[in-house]
Amino acid sequence: MAASISIDEIIAQDREMHPNERTLPWEETRDGITVVVEPKPHWAEDMRVFRLDAREYCRYAEWAAYGGRARFYGHIDTSGDDLMMKARAMIAREIADGLWS
């Protein structure tokens, strides 16, 4: 049975939600810096953003307020690209398992 929805369609549908209600990461660009926003887990105080091409992060509130001037901190094992690849792989597995139609 062929999948009737694509990974990009699922990501686009999630992006239509308010940021606090999204379940998948998304990209934002400000001041020439692209980050990936990690959705907020139920226990978190604030979302985090990870630089797309570096293992650095900051709080979403700081990113929203200061854009490219926000202070980023090193992260030992995650970049924005890593988050996007993991989300796409998860969706692909769910499509293959028939969870999306």
PDB file of N, CA and C in Angstrom:
ATOM      1  N   MET A   1       0.850  -1.183   0.000  1.00  0.00           N
ATOM      2  CA  MET A   1       0.000   0.000   0.000  1.00  0.00           C
ATOM      3  C   MET A   1       0.890   1.239   0.000  1.00  0.00           C
ATOM      4  N   ALA A   2       0.678   2.118  -0.933  1.00  0.00           N
ATOM      5  CA  ALA A   2       1.478   3.337  -1.043  1.00  0.00           C
ATOM      6  C   ALA A   2       0.980   4.387  -0.044  1.00  0.00           C
ATOM      7  N   ALA A   3       1.917   5.126   0.485  1.00  0.00           N
ATOM      8  CA  ALA A   3       1.568   6.207   1.412  1.00  0.00           C
ATOM      9  C   ALA A   3       0.859   7.316   0.645  1.00  0.00           C
ATOM     10  N   SER A   4      -0.172   7.875   1.256  1.00  0.00           N
ATOM     11  CA  SER A   4      -0.915   8.927   0.580  1.00  0.00           C
ATOM     12  C   SER A   4      -0.546  10.313   1.086  1.00  0.00           C
ATOM     13  N   ILE A   5       0.405  10.380   1.983  1.00  0.00           N
ATOM     14  CA  ILE A   5       0.862  11.670   2.499  1.00  0.00           C
ATOM     15  C   ILE A   5       2.390  11.625   2.570  1.00  0.00           C
ATOM     16  N   SER A   6       3.001  12.748   2.297  1.00  0.00           N
ATOM     17  CA  SER A   6       4.463  12.795   2.316  1.00  0.00           C
ATOM     18  C   SER A   6       4.970  13.418   3.615  1.00  0.00           C
ATOM     19  N   ILE A   7       6.248  13.239   3.854  1.00  0.00           N
ATOM     20  CA  ILE A   7       6.897  13.836   5.025  1.00  0.00           C
ATOM     21  C   ILE A   7       6.736  15.359   4.972  1.00  0.00           C
ATOM     22  N   ASP A   8       6.951  15.940   3.801  1.00  0.00           N
ATOM     23  CA  ASP A   8       6.845  17.397   3.670  1.00  0.00           C
ATOM     24  C   ASP A   8       5.427  17.888   3.950  1.00  0.00           C
ATOM     25  N   GLU A   9       4.418  17.113   3.562  1.00  0.00           N
ATOM     26  CA  GLU A   9       3.034  17.502   3.844  1.00  0.00           C
ATOM     27  C   GLU A   9       2.742  17.464   5.342  1.00  0.00           C
ATOM     28  N   ILE A  10       3.258  16.449   6.022  1.00  0.00           N
ATOM     29  CA  ILE A  10       3.068  16.348   7.471  1.00  0.00           C
ATOM     30  C   ILE A  10       3.736  17.520   8.175  1.00  0.00           C
ATOM     31  N   ILE A  11       4.958  17.842   7.764  1.00  0.00           N
ATOM     32  CA  ILE A  11       5.667  18.976   8.358  1.00  0.00           C
ATOM     33  C   ILE A  11       4.919  20.282   8.087  1.00  0.00           C
ATOM     34  N   ALA A  12       4.397  20.451   6.870  1.00  0.00           N
ATOM     35  CA  ALA A  12       3.645  21.666   6.529  1.00  0.00           C
ATOM     36  C   ALA A  12       2.378  21.781   7.366  1.00  0.00           C
ATOM     37  N   GLN A  13       1.674  20.672   7.578  1.00  0.00           N
ATOM     38  CA  GLN A  13       0.463  20.700   8.404  1.00  0.00           C
ATOM     39  C   GLN A  13       0.793  21.076   9.843  1.00  0.00           C
ATOM     40  N   ASP A  14       1.880  20.538  10.364  1.00  0.00           N
ATOM     41  CA  ASP A  14       2.288  20.875  11.729  1.00  0.00           C
ATOM     42  C   ASP A  14       2.641  22.353  11.832  1.00  0.00           C
ATOM     43  N   ARG A  15       3.240  22.886  10.804  1.00  0.00           N
ATOM     44  CA  ARG A  15       3.669  24.295  10.797  1.00  0.00           C
ATOM     45  C   ARG A  15       2.481  25.259  10.824  1.00  0.00           C
ATOM     46  N   GLU A  16       1.297  24.777  10.440  1.00  0.00           N
ATOM     47  CA  GLU A  16       0.089  25.621  10.474  1.00  0.00           C
ATOM     48  C   GLU A  16      -0.400  25.868  11.900  1.00  0.00           C
ATOM     49  N   MET A  17       0.079  25.067  12.841  1.00  0.00           N
ATOM     50  CA  MET A  17      -0.322  25.212  14.235  1.00  0.00           C
ATOM     51  C   MET A  17       0.427  26.389  14.880  1.00  0.00           C
ATOM     52  N   HIS A  18      -0.102  26.889  15.982  1.00  0.00           N
ATOM     53  CA  HIS A  18       0.587  27.903  16.780  1.00  0.00           C
ATOM     54  C   HIS A  18       1.894  27.294  17.286  1.00  0.00           C
ATOM     55  N   PRO A  19       2.987  28.053  17.371  1.00  0.00           N
ATOM     56  CA  PRO A  19       4.273  27.477  17.803  1.00  0.00           C
ATOM     57  C   PRO A  19       4.210  26.638  19.079  1.00  0.00           C
ATOM     58  N   ASN A  20       3.431  27.044  20.062  1.00  0.00           N
ATOM     59  CA  ASN A  20       3.360  26.274  21.312  1.00  0.00           C
ATOM     60  C   ASN A  20       2.599  24.970  21.162  1.00  0.00           C
ATOM     61  N   GLU A  21       1.916  24.768  20.038  1.00  0.00           N
ATOM     62  CA  GLU A  21       1.137  23.552  19.821  1.00  0.00           C
ATOM     63  C   GLU A  21       1.785  22.616  18.800  1.00  0.00           C
ATOM     64  N   ARG A  22       2.912  23.013  18.229  1.00  0.00           N
ATOM     65  CA  ARG A  22       3.568  22.184  17.221  1.00  0.00           C
ATOM     66  C   ARG A  22       4.260  20.990  17.873  1.00  0.00           C
ATOM     67  N   THR A  23       4.318  19.897  17.126  1.00  0.00           N
ATOM     68  CA  THR A  23       4.959  18.685  17.636  1.00  0.00           C
ATOM     69  C   THR A  23       6.236  18.349  16.890  1.00  0.00           C
ATOM     70  N   LEU A  24       6.523  19.051  15.806  1.00  0.00           N
ATOM     71  CA  LEU A  24       7.710  18.797  15.004  1.00  0.00           C
ATOM     72  C   LEU A  24       8.597  20.037  14.970  1.00  0.00           C
ATOM     73  N   PRO A  25       9.906  19.854  14.840  1.00  0.00           N
ATOM     74  CA  PRO A  25      10.799  21.017  14.748  1.00  0.00           C
ATOM     75  C   PRO A  25      10.565  21.793  13.459  1.00  0.00           C
ATOM     76  N   TRP A  26      10.918  23.087  13.482  1.00  0.00           N
ATOM     77  CA  TRP A  26      10.795  23.912  12.291  1.00  0.00           C
ATOM     78  C   TRP A  26      11.933  24.914  12.236  1.00  0.00           C
ATOM     79  N   GLU A  27      12.213  25.375  11.017  1.00  0.00           N
ATOM     80  CA  GLU A  27      13.305  26.326  10.810  1.00  0.00           C
ATOM     81  C   GLU A  27      12.795  27.758  10.871  1.00  0.00           C
ATOM     82  N   GLU A  28      13.631  28.630  11.404  1.00  0.00           N
ATOM     83  CA  GLU A  28      13.405  30.076  11.388  1.00  0.00           C
ATOM     84  C   GLU A  28      14.740  30.738  11.058  1.00  0.00           C
ATOM     85  N   THR A  29      14.682  31.848  10.323  1.00  0.00           N
ATOM     86  CA  THR A  29      15.890  32.594   9.982  1.00  0.00           C
ATOM     87  C   THR A  29      15.700  34.049  10.362  1.00  0.00           C
ATOM     88  N   ARG A  30      16.696  34.587  11.056  1.00  0.00           N
ATOM     89  CA  ARG A  30      16.720  36.008  11.410  1.00  0.00           C
ATOM     90  C   ARG A  30      18.159  36.479  11.363  1.00  0.00           C
ATOM     91  N   ASP A  31      18.358  37.680  10.894  1.00  0.00           N
ATOM     92  CA  ASP A  31      19.688  38.292  10.884  1.00  0.00           C
ATOM     93  C   ASP A  31      20.738  37.384  10.239  1.00  0.00           C
ATOM     94  N   GLY A  32      20.321  36.622   9.240  1.00  0.00           N
ATOM     95  CA  GLY A  32      21.255  35.754   8.523  1.00  0.00           C
ATOM     96  C   GLY A  32      21.607  34.456   9.235  1.00  0.00           C
ATOM     97  N   ILE A  33      20.958  34.172  10.358  1.00  0.00           N
ATOM     98  CA  ILE A  33      21.211  32.939  11.103  1.00  0.00           C
ATOM     99  C   ILE A  33      19.962  32.071  11.023  1.00  0.00           C
ATOM    100  N   THR A  34      20.160  30.804  10.659  1.00  0.00           N
ATOM    101  CA  THR A  34      19.046  29.866  10.607  1.00  0.00           C
ATOM    102  C   THR A  34      19.148  28.925  11.792  1.00  0.00           C
ATOM    103  N   VAL A  35      18.021  28.760  12.461  1.00  0.00           N
ATOM    104  CA  VAL A  35      17.936  27.855  13.605  1.00  0.00           C
ATOM    105  C   VAL A  35      16.798  26.876  13.372  1.00  0.00           C
ATOM    106  N   VAL A  36      16.807  25.833  14.148  1.00  0.00           N
ATOM    107  CA  VAL A  36      15.691  24.893  14.182  1.00  0.00           C
ATOM    108  C   VAL A  36      15.103  24.971  15.582  1.00  0.00           C
ATOM    109  N   VAL A  37      13.796  25.204  15.645  1.00  0.00           N
ATOM    110  CA  VAL A  37      13.103  25.308  16.927  1.00  0.00           C
ATOM    111  C   VAL A  37      12.645  23.913  17.341  1.00  0.00           C
ATOM    112  N   GLU A  38      13.016  23.520  18.550  1.00  0.00           N
ATOM    113  CA  GLU A  38      12.601  22.237  19.090  1.00  0.00           C
ATOM    114  C   GLU A  38      11.253  22.426  19.785  1.00  0.00           C
ATOM    115  N   PRO A  39      10.243  21.635  19.419  1.00  0.00           N
ATOM    116  CA  PRO A  39       8.945  21.796  20.084  1.00  0.00           C
ATOM    117  C   PRO A  39       9.068  21.649  21.594  1.00  0.00           C
ATOM    118  N   LYS A  40       8.192  22.297  22.298  1.00  0.00           N
ATOM    119  CA  LYS A  40       8.247  22.325  23.755  1.00  0.00           C
ATOM    120  C   LYS A  40       7.653  21.041  24.349  1.00  0.00           C
ATOM    121  N   PRO A  41       8.458  20.283  25.091  1.00  0.00           N
ATOM    122  CA  PRO A  41       7.902  19.124  25.801  1.00  0.00           C
ATOM    123  C   PRO A  41       6.967  19.599  26.916  1.00  0.00           C
ATOM    124  N   HIS A  42       6.083  18.753  27.362  1.00  0.00           N
ATOM    125  CA  HIS A  42       5.090  19.133  28.369  1.00  0.00           C
ATOM    126  C   HIS A  42       5.720  19.679  29.650  1.00  0.00           C
ATOM    127  N   TRP A  43       6.921  19.264  29.980  1.00  0.00           N
ATOM    128  CA  TRP A  43       7.554  19.671  31.234  1.00  0.00           C
ATOM    129  C   TRP A  43       8.449  20.894  31.103  1.00  0.00           C
ATOM    130  N   ALA A  44       8.673  21.363  29.878  1.00  0.00           N
ATOM    131  CA  ALA A  44       9.649  22.439  29.668  1.00  0.00           C
ATOM    132  C   ALA A  44       9.060  23.815  29.937  1.00  0.00           C
ATOM    133  N   GLU A  45       9.900  24.691  30.414  1.00  0.00           N
ATOM    134  CA  GLU A  45       9.524  26.080  30.662  1.00  0.00           C
ATOM    135  C   GLU A  45       9.454  26.865  29.351  1.00  0.00           C
ATOM    136  N   ASP A  46      10.353  26.561  28.425  1.00  0.00           N
ATOM    137  CA  ASP A  46      10.431  27.274  27.161  1.00  0.00           C
ATOM    138  C   ASP A  46      11.002  26.339  26.098  1.00  0.00           C
ATOM    139  N   MET A  47      10.735  26.649  24.861  1.00  0.00           N
ATOM    140  CA  MET A  47      11.320  25.887  23.764  1.00  0.00           C
ATOM    141  C   MET A  47      12.785  26.277  23.620  1.00  0.00           C
ATOM    142  N   ARG A  48      13.530  25.440  22.914  1.00  0.00           N
ATOM    143  CA  ARG A  48      14.919  25.751  22.610  1.00  0.00           C
ATOM    144  C   ARG A  48      15.080  25.856  21.103  1.00  0.00           C
ATOM    145  N   VAL A  49      16.056  26.642  20.683  1.00  0.00           N
ATOM    146  CA  VAL A  49      16.416  26.705  19.267  1.00  0.00           C
ATOM    147  C   VAL A  49      17.866  26.258  19.140  1.00  0.00           C
ATOM    148  N   PHE A  50      18.135  25.509  18.080  1.00  0.00           N
ATOM    149  CA  PHE A  50      19.482  25.032  17.804  1.00  0.00           C
ATOM    150  C   PHE A  50      19.929  25.628  16.486  1.00  0.00           C
ATOM    151  N   ARG A  51      21.144  26.123  16.437  1.00  0.00           N
ATOM    152  CA  ARG A  51      21.680  26.615  15.164  1.00  0.00           C
ATOM    153  C   ARG A  51      21.669  25.472  14.178  1.00  0.00           C
ATOM    154  N   LEU A  52      21.298  25.759  12.946  1.00  0.00           N
ATOM    155  CA  LEU A  52      21.170  24.728  11.929  1.00  0.00           C
ATOM    156  C   LEU A  52      22.489  24.005  11.696  1.00  0.00           C
ATOM    157  N   ASP A  53      23.568  24.752  11.663  1.00  0.00           N
ATOM    158  CA  ASP A  53      24.851  24.195  11.242  1.00  0.00           C
ATOM    159  C   ASP A  53      25.887  24.093  12.355  1.00  0.00           C
ATOM    160  N   ALA A  54      25.473  24.259  13.607  1.00  0.00           N
ATOM    161  CA  ALA A  54      26.423  24.201  14.725  1.00  0.00           C
ATOM    162  C   ALA A  54      25.746  23.572  15.935  1.00  0.00           C
ATOM    163  N   ARG A  55      26.528  23.007  16.788  1.00  0.00           N
ATOM    164  CA  ARG A  55      26.000  22.385  18.013  1.00  0.00           C
ATOM    165  C   ARG A  55      25.906  23.449  19.108  1.00  0.00           C
ATOM    166  N   GLU A  56      24.967  24.375  18.892  1.00  0.00           N
ATOM    167  CA  GLU A  56      24.718  25.462  19.832  1.00  0.00           C
ATOM    168  C   GLU A  56      23.223  25.676  19.960  1.00  0.00           C
ATOM    169  N   TYR A  57      22.804  26.148  21.138  1.00  0.00           N
ATOM    170  CA  TYR A  57      21.383  26.383  21.363  1.00  0.00           C
ATOM    171  C   TYR A  57      21.173  27.619  22.231  1.00  0.00           C
ATOM    172  N   CYS A  58      19.921  28.091  22.248  1.00  0.00           N
ATOM    173  CA  CYS A  58      19.491  29.124  23.186  1.00  0.00           C
ATOM    174  C   CYS A  58      18.001  28.942  23.428  1.00  0.00           C
ATOM    175  N   ARG A  59      17.470  29.689  24.364  1.00  0.00           N
ATOM    176  CA  ARG A  59      16.028  29.644  24.648  1.00  0.00           C
ATOM    177  C   ARG A  59      15.261  30.349  23.534  1.00  0.00           C
ATOM    178  N   TYR A  60      14.091  29.832  23.217  1.00  0.00           N
ATOM    179  CA  TYR A  60      13.264  30.408  22.158  1.00  0.00           C
ATOM    180  C   TYR A  60      12.889  31.853  22.485  1.00  0.00           C
ATOM    181  N   ALA A  61      12.588  32.135  23.741  1.00  0.00           N
ATOM    182  CA  ALA A  61      12.208  33.499  24.125  1.00  0.00           C
ATOM    183  C   ALA A  61      13.331  34.480  23.813  1.00  0.00           C
ATOM    184  N   GLU A  62      14.572  34.062  24.042  1.00  0.00           N
ATOM    185  CA  GLU A  62      15.702  34.947  23.742  1.00  0.00           C
ATOM    186  C   GLU A  62      15.856  35.112  22.229  1.00  0.00           C
ATOM    187  N   TRP A  63      15.693  34.021  21.488  1.00  0.00           N
ATOM    188  CA  TRP A  63      15.754  34.081  20.025  1.00  0.00           C
ATOM    189  C   TRP A  63      14.664  35.015  19.492  1.00  0.00           C
ATOM    190  N   ALA A  64      13.451  34.888  20.030  1.00  0.00           N
ATOM    191  CA  ALA A  64      12.339  35.722  19.577  1.00  0.00           C
ATOM    192  C   ALA A  64      12.604  37.197  19.865  1.00  0.00           C
ATOM    193  N   ALA A  65      13.246  37.483  20.983  1.00  0.00           N
ATOM    194  CA  ALA A  65      13.506  38.867  21.371  1.00  0.00           C
ATOM    195  C   ALA A  65      14.708  39.474  20.656  1.00  0.00           C
ATOM    196  N   TYR A  66      15.771  38.693  20.474  1.00  0.00           N
ATOM    197  CA  TYR A  66      17.031  39.250  19.989  1.00  0.00           C
ATOM    198  C   TYR A  66      17.500  38.722  18.639  1.00  0.00           C
ATOM    199  N   GLY A  67      16.832  37.705  18.097  1.00  0.00           N
ATOM    200  CA  GLY A  67      17.246  37.157  16.805  1.00  0.00           C
ATOM    201  C   GLY A  67      18.701  36.737  16.814  1.00  0.00           C
ATOM    202  N   GLY A  68      19.434  37.153  15.810  1.00  0.00           N
ATOM    203  CA  GLY A  68      20.834  36.776  15.663  1.00  0.00           C
ATOM    204  C   GLY A  68      21.744  37.274  16.766  1.00  0.00           C
ATOM    205  N   ARG A  69      21.269  38.196  17.604  1.00  0.00           N
ATOM    206  CA  ARG A  69      22.078  38.689  18.724  1.00  0.00           C
ATOM    207  C   ARG A  69      21.869  37.858  19.998  1.00  0.00           C
ATOM    208  N   ALA A  70      20.993  36.850  19.923  1.00  0.00           N
ATOM    209  CA  ALA A  70      20.763  35.990  21.090  1.00  0.00           C
ATOM    210  C   ALA A  70      22.051  35.259  21.447  1.00  0.00           C
ATOM    211  N   ARG A  71      22.211  34.970  22.725  1.00  0.00           N
ATOM    212  CA  ARG A  71      23.414  34.271  23.180  1.00  0.00           C
ATOM    213  C   ARG A  71      23.202  32.760  23.060  1.00  0.00           C
ATOM    214  N   PHE A  72      24.064  32.130  22.290  1.00  0.00           N
ATOM    215  CA  PHE A  72      24.008  30.692  22.093  1.00  0.00           C
ATOM    216  C   PHE A  72      25.042  30.006  22.966  1.00  0.00           C
ATOM    217  N   TYR A  73      24.710  28.793  23.403  1.00  0.00           N
ATOM    218  CA  TYR A  73      25.588  27.994  24.244  1.00  0.00           C
ATOM    219  C   TYR A  73      25.933  26.703  23.508  1.00  0.00           C
ATOM    220  N   GLY A  74      27.113  26.186  23.744  1.00  0.00           N
ATOM    221  CA  GLY A  74      27.516  24.934  23.125  1.00  0.00           C
ATOM    222  C   GLY A  74      26.646  23.781  23.595  1.00  0.00           C
ATOM    223  N   HIS A  75      26.383  22.847  22.704  1.00  0.00           N
ATOM    224  CA  HIS A  75      25.632  21.642  23.042  1.00  0.00           C
ATOM    225  C   HIS A  75      26.448  20.452  22.580  1.00  0.00           C
ATOM    226  N   ILE A  76      26.617  19.498  23.425  1.00  0.00           N
ATOM    227  CA  ILE A  76      27.558  18.419  23.149  1.00  0.00           C
ATOM    228  C   ILE A  76      27.178  17.559  21.941  1.00  0.00           C
ATOM    229  N   ASP A  77      25.879  17.352  21.689  1.00  0.00           N
ATOM    230  CA  ASP A  77      25.561  16.393  20.637  1.00  0.00           C
ATOM    231  C   ASP A  77      24.405  16.755  19.719  1.00  0.00           C
ATOM    232  N   THR A  78      23.892  17.962  19.733  1.00  0.00           N
ATOM    233  CA  THR A  78      22.735  18.281  18.895  1.00  0.00           C
ATOM    234  C   THR A  78      22.910  19.591  18.148  1.00  0.00           C
ATOM    235  N   SER A  79      22.576  19.548  16.873  1.00  0.00           N
ATOM    236  CA  SER A  79      22.478  20.759  16.044  1.00  0.00           C
ATOM    237  C   SER A  79      21.072  20.776  15.453  1.00  0.00           C
ATOM    238  N   GLY A  80      20.704  21.869  14.861  1.00  0.00           N
ATOM    239  CA  GLY A  80      19.399  21.969  14.217  1.00  0.00           C
ATOM    240  C   GLY A  80      19.231  20.943  13.106  1.00  0.00           C
ATOM    241  N   ASP A  81      20.298  20.719  12.347  1.00  0.00           N
ATOM    242  CA  ASP A  81      20.244  19.728  11.283  1.00  0.00           C
ATOM    243  C   ASP A  81      19.964  18.339  11.857  1.00  0.00           C
ATOM    244  N   ASP A  82      20.568  18.022  12.992  1.00  0.00           N
ATOM    245  CA  ASP A  82      20.313  16.733  13.653  1.00  0.00           C
ATOM    246  C   ASP A  82      18.836  16.595  14.014  1.00  0.00           C
ATOM    247  N   LEU A  83      18.251  17.660  14.571  1.00  0.00           N
ATOM    248  CA  LEU A  83      16.835  17.618  14.952  1.00  0.00           C
ATOM    249  C   LEU A  83      15.942  17.366  13.747  1.00  0.00           C
ATOM    250  N   MET A  84      16.207  18.058  12.643  1.00  0.00           N
ATOM    251  CA  MET A  84      15.383  17.889  11.448  1.00  0.00           C
ATOM    252  C   MET A  84      15.528  16.482  10.874  1.00  0.00           C
ATOM    253  N   MET A  85      16.739  15.953  10.846  1.00  0.00           N
ATOM    254  CA  MET A  85      16.944  14.598  10.316  1.00  0.00           C
ATOM    255  C   MET A  85      16.222  13.563  11.181  1.00  0.00           C
ATOM    256  N   LYS A  86      16.277  13.706  12.493  1.00  0.00           N
ATOM    257  CA  LYS A  86      15.597  12.770  13.390  1.00  0.00           C
ATOM    258  C   LYS A  86      14.085  12.839  13.208  1.00  0.00           C
ATOM    259  N   ALA A  87      13.538  14.042  13.064  1.00  0.00           N
ATOM    260  CA  ALA A  87      12.093  14.201  12.876  1.00  0.00           C
ATOM    261  C   ALA A  87      11.653  13.573  11.556  1.00  0.00           C
ATOM    262  N   ARG A  88      12.404  13.811  10.494  1.00  0.00           N
ATOM    263  CA  ARG A  88      12.060  13.241   9.192  1.00  0.00           C
ATOM    264  C   ARG A  88      12.140  11.710   9.226  1.00  0.00           C
ATOM    265  N   ALA A  89      13.147  11.162   9.907  1.00  0.00           N
ATOM    266  CA  ALA A  89      13.266   9.702  10.022  1.00  0.00           C
ATOM    267  C   ALA A  89      12.093   9.122  10.813  1.00  0.00           C
ATOM    268  N   MET A  90      11.685   9.802  11.884  1.00  0.00           N
ATOM    269  CA  MET A  90      10.559   9.343  12.689  1.00  0.00           C
ATOM    270  C   MET A  90       9.282   9.312  11.848  1.00  0.00           C
ATOM    271  N   ILE A  91       9.047  10.382  11.080  1.00  0.00           N
ATOM    272  CA  ILE A  91       7.849  10.445  10.244  1.00  0.00           C
ATOM    273  C   ILE A  91       7.895   9.348   9.181  1.00  0.00           C
ATOM    274  N   ALA A  92       9.053   9.127   8.573  1.00  0.00           N
ATOM    275  CA  ALA A  92       9.182   8.078   7.554  1.00  0.00           C
ATOM    276  C   ALA A  92       8.832   6.715   8.138  1.00  0.00           C
ATOM    277  N   ARG A  93       9.298   6.432   9.358  1.00  0.00           N
ATOM    278  CA  ARG A  93       8.963   5.162  10.017  1.00  0.00           C
ATOM    279  C   ARG A  93       7.467   5.062  10.273  1.00  0.00           C
ATOM    280  N   GLU A  94       6.860   6.162  10.721  1.00  0.00           N
ATOM    281  CA  GLU A  94       5.420   6.155  10.990  1.00  0.00           C
ATOM    282  C   GLU A  94       4.616   5.945   9.708  1.00  0.00           C
ATOM    283  N   ILE A  95       5.049   6.548   8.621  1.00  0.00           N
ATOM    284  CA  ILE A  95       4.376   6.344   7.321  1.00  0.00           C
ATOM    285  C   ILE A  95       4.510   4.876   6.919  1.00  0.00           C
ATOM    286  N   ALA A  96       5.705   4.329   7.031  1.00  0.00           N
ATOM    287  CA  ALA A  96       5.937   2.926   6.670  1.00  0.00           C
ATOM    288  C   ALA A  96       5.111   1.979   7.533  1.00  0.00           C
ATOM    289  N   ASP A  97       4.882   2.345   8.780  1.00  0.00           N
ATOM    290  CA  ASP A  97       4.084   1.514   9.692  1.00  0.00           C
ATOM    291  C   ASP A  97       2.576   1.721   9.498  1.00  0.00           C
ATOM    292  N   GLY A  98       2.204   2.590   8.569  1.00  0.00           N
ATOM    293  CA  GLY A  98       0.787   2.807   8.275  1.00  0.00           C
ATOM    294  C   GLY A  98       0.076   3.732   9.237  1.00  0.00           C
ATOM    295  N   LEU A  99       0.818   4.513  10.003  1.00  0.00           N
ATOM    296  CA  LEU A  99       0.202   5.413  10.970  1.00  0.00           C
ATOM    297  C   LEU A  99      -0.334   6.697  10.340  1.00  0.00           C
ATOM    298  N   TRP A 100       0.056   6.971   9.099  1.00  0.00           N
ATOM    299  CA  TRP A 100      -0.428   8.135   8.368  1.00  0.00           C
ATOM    300  C   TRP A 100      -1.089   7.649   7.084  1.00  0.00           C
ATOM    301  N   SER A 101      -2.176   8.278   6.723  1.00  0.00           N
ATOM    302  CA  SER A 101      -2.816   7.895   5.458  1.00  0.00           C
ATOM    303  C   SER A 101      -3.491   9.088   4.820  1.00  0.00           C
TER     304      SER A 101
END
